[in-house]
């Protein structure tokens, strides 16, 4: 039996993700993860009903951008540390940014600042971050190993690929 599905969702978790204490909360809040659960449920229901081998033919694949297709962590960390340093605040190791990213740049800014940071400090940090990141967002950003080959294979098979991101329109086209 062959099933033609309209969308497959592929969500690659970075290796650090397995160590996060808030893994389940983050995964369940993710739109892509919810779609993946629906597709897995659909597959299990069909497999149960037909009790045999099933081939699912996908027409489209949706990818997240940051941390899935592209490793953007170092450029995000550099921009965050630049903004902190410009304001005389302590900076963070790049590895710590693995726990700060997710939910967009404003949330990243909130997480890298001291807990008692007021709105004016958050706003100035965001402005400094954005000004630095707009110039340096591609300094160290690169696709994860195998991603370019995978996208080439998908294209050769006529499978549409879509990238979704919560990155602002100011930055997404440049990456």
Protein backbone atom coordinates (compact mmCIF):
# COMPACT_ATOMS: atom_id res chain seq x y z
CA UNK A 1 0.00 0.00 0.00
CA UNK A 2 1.26 3.50 -0.84
CA UNK A 3 -0.03 6.55 1.00
CA UNK A 4 0.47 9.99 -0.50
CA UNK A 5 0.91 12.47 2.33
CA UNK A 6 0.88 16.20 1.72
CA UNK A 7 3.45 17.14 4.33
CA UNK A 8 6.20 15.48 6.30
CA UNK A 9 7.80 17.30 9.14
CA UNK A 10 11.44 16.67 9.83
CA UNK A 11 12.74 18.14 13.03
CA UNK A 12 16.36 17.51 13.90
CA UNK A 13 17.27 18.23 17.51
CA UNK A 14 20.74 19.51 18.21
CA UNK A 15 22.89 17.16 20.23
CA UNK A 16 22.65 19.43 23.27
CA UNK A 17 18.89 19.17 23.28
CA UNK A 18 18.89 15.76 24.92
CA UNK A 19 20.54 17.29 27.99
CA UNK A 20 18.10 20.17 28.44
CA UNK A 21 16.03 19.99 31.59
CA UNK A 22 13.09 21.67 29.89
CA UNK A 23 13.19 19.34 26.86
CA UNK A 24 9.61 18.14 27.10
CA UNK A 25 8.16 21.58 27.69
CA UNK A 26 10.10 23.02 24.76
CA UNK A 27 9.22 20.13 22.44
CA UNK A 28 5.53 20.27 23.24
CA UNK A 29 5.39 24.02 22.68
CA UNK A 30 6.86 23.62 19.21
CA UNK A 31 4.43 23.85 16.31
CA UNK A 32 6.63 21.57 14.23
CA UNK A 33 6.75 18.96 16.95
CA UNK A 34 2.95 18.96 17.16
CA UNK A 35 2.76 18.40 13.41
CA UNK A 36 5.23 15.56 13.68
CA UNK A 37 3.08 13.90 16.37
CA UNK A 38 0.02 14.17 14.11
CA UNK A 39 1.88 12.60 11.19
CA UNK A 40 3.22 9.76 13.37
CA UNK A 41 -0.29 9.16 14.72
CA UNK A 42 -1.68 9.09 11.18
CA UNK A 43 0.99 6.58 10.15
CA UNK A 44 0.28 4.31 13.13
CA UNK A 45 -3.48 4.40 12.47
CA UNK A 46 -3.05 3.46 8.82
CA UNK A 47 -0.50 0.77 9.60
CA UNK A 48 -2.84 -0.74 12.20
CA UNK A 49 -5.79 -0.66 9.79
CA UNK A 50 -3.98 -2.31 6.87
CA UNK A 51 -1.73 -4.67 8.90
CA UNK A 52 1.03 -4.64 6.32
CA UNK A 53 3.94 -2.83 4.83
CA UNK A 54 3.25 0.78 4.09
CA UNK A 55 5.18 3.22 1.97
CA UNK A 56 4.41 6.85 2.62
CA UNK A 57 5.15 9.13 -0.33
CA UNK A 58 5.84 12.68 0.85
CA UNK A 59 5.34 15.65 -1.44
CA UNK A 60 6.76 18.29 0.90
CA UNK A 61 9.16 18.54 3.82
CA UNK A 62 9.18 21.40 6.33
CA UNK A 63 12.36 22.28 8.19
CA UNK A 64 13.09 24.68 10.99
CA UNK A 65 16.03 27.00 10.26
CA UNK A 66 18.09 27.66 13.40
CA UNK A 67 19.55 24.54 14.97
CA UNK A 68 18.00 22.27 12.36
CA UNK A 69 19.36 23.18 8.95
CA UNK A 70 21.87 25.80 10.05
CA UNK A 71 24.20 25.98 13.01
CA UNK A 72 23.71 29.65 13.95
CA UNK A 73 24.74 29.31 17.59
CA UNK A 74 28.17 30.96 17.39
CA UNK A 75 26.92 34.04 15.56
CA UNK A 76 24.03 34.40 18.00
CA UNK A 77 26.45 34.04 20.93
CA UNK A 78 28.85 36.58 19.44
CA UNK A 79 26.05 39.12 18.97
CA UNK A 80 24.72 38.50 22.47
CA UNK A 81 28.14 38.84 24.04
CA UNK A 82 28.86 41.99 22.05
CA UNK A 83 25.64 43.58 23.34
CA UNK A 84 26.45 42.57 26.92
CA UNK A 85 30.04 43.73 26.72
CA UNK A 86 29.04 47.14 25.31
CA UNK A 87 26.98 47.70 28.44
CA UNK A 88 29.60 46.49 30.89
CA UNK A 89 27.72 43.27 31.66
CA UNK A 90 29.32 39.83 32.03
CA UNK A 91 29.40 37.69 28.88
CA UNK A 92 28.58 33.97 28.54
CA UNK A 93 30.44 31.03 27.01
CA UNK A 94 29.11 30.02 23.62
CA UNK A 95 28.06 26.64 25.05
CA UNK A 96 25.70 28.39 27.49
CA UNK A 97 23.83 29.90 24.55
CA UNK A 98 22.50 26.43 23.77
CA UNK A 99 20.24 26.96 26.78
CA UNK A 100 19.37 30.56 25.90
CA UNK A 101 18.19 30.08 22.31
CA UNK A 102 14.66 29.16 21.29
CA UNK A 103 11.58 31.35 21.07
CA UNK A 104 13.24 34.20 19.16
CA UNK A 105 15.77 36.95 19.76
CA UNK A 106 13.75 38.97 22.30
CA UNK A 107 13.56 35.85 24.49
CA UNK A 108 17.29 35.24 23.96
CA UNK A 109 17.99 38.78 25.18
CA UNK A 110 15.83 38.20 28.24
CA UNK A 111 17.70 35.00 29.05
CA UNK A 112 21.23 36.42 28.71
CA UNK A 113 20.53 39.43 30.92
CA UNK A 114 20.59 39.42 34.71
CA UNK A 115 17.25 38.44 36.26
CA UNK A 116 16.67 41.96 37.59
CA UNK A 117 17.11 43.65 34.18
CA UNK A 118 14.56 46.39 33.53
CA UNK A 119 12.83 47.10 30.21
CA UNK A 120 15.24 49.87 29.21
CA UNK A 121 18.21 47.49 29.61
CA UNK A 122 16.37 44.83 27.59
CA UNK A 123 15.60 47.37 24.83
CA UNK A 124 19.16 48.70 24.63
CA UNK A 125 20.57 45.16 24.62
CA UNK A 126 18.19 44.17 21.83
CA UNK A 127 19.22 47.23 19.75
CA UNK A 128 22.93 46.46 20.22
CA UNK A 129 22.35 42.78 19.44
CA UNK A 130 20.44 43.57 16.25
CA UNK A 131 22.98 46.10 15.00
CA UNK A 132 25.85 43.64 15.50
CA UNK A 133 23.98 40.58 14.24
CA UNK A 134 22.82 42.30 11.04
CA UNK A 135 26.48 42.67 10.01
CA UNK A 136 27.89 39.42 11.45
CA UNK A 137 25.04 36.88 11.15
CA UNK A 138 26.89 34.85 8.53
CA UNK A 139 30.40 34.97 9.98
CA UNK A 140 30.28 31.46 11.45
CA UNK A 141 26.81 30.21 10.47
CA UNK A 142 26.88 27.13 8.29
CA UNK A 143 24.71 24.16 7.38
CA UNK A 144 25.02 21.07 9.53
CA UNK A 145 26.91 18.14 8.00
CA UNK A 146 24.82 16.33 5.41
CA UNK A 147 22.11 18.98 5.11
CA UNK A 148 23.14 20.24 1.66
CA UNK A 149 23.33 16.66 0.33
CA UNK A 150 19.94 15.84 1.85
CA UNK A 151 18.33 18.92 0.28
CA UNK A 152 19.87 18.01 -3.08
CA UNK A 153 18.42 14.50 -2.89
CA UNK A 154 14.97 15.82 -1.92
CA UNK A 155 15.04 18.26 -4.84
CA UNK A 156 16.13 15.50 -7.25
CA UNK A 157 13.13 13.44 -6.14
CA UNK A 158 10.74 16.33 -6.77
CA UNK A 159 9.98 16.85 -3.09
CA UNK A 160 9.20 20.43 -2.13
CA UNK A 161 11.18 21.84 0.76
CA UNK A 162 10.02 24.64 3.01
CA UNK A 163 11.91 26.45 5.75
CA UNK A 164 10.10 28.03 8.68
CA UNK A 165 11.68 30.30 11.24
CA UNK A 166 10.82 32.70 13.98
CA UNK A 167 13.81 34.79 12.93
CA UNK A 168 12.69 38.32 12.03
CA UNK A 169 12.28 39.44 8.43
CA UNK A 170 15.27 41.68 9.03
CA UNK A 171 17.57 38.65 9.34
CA UNK A 172 15.92 35.61 7.72
CA UNK A 173 16.48 36.53 4.04
CA UNK A 174 20.18 37.23 4.66
CA UNK A 175 20.82 33.80 6.09
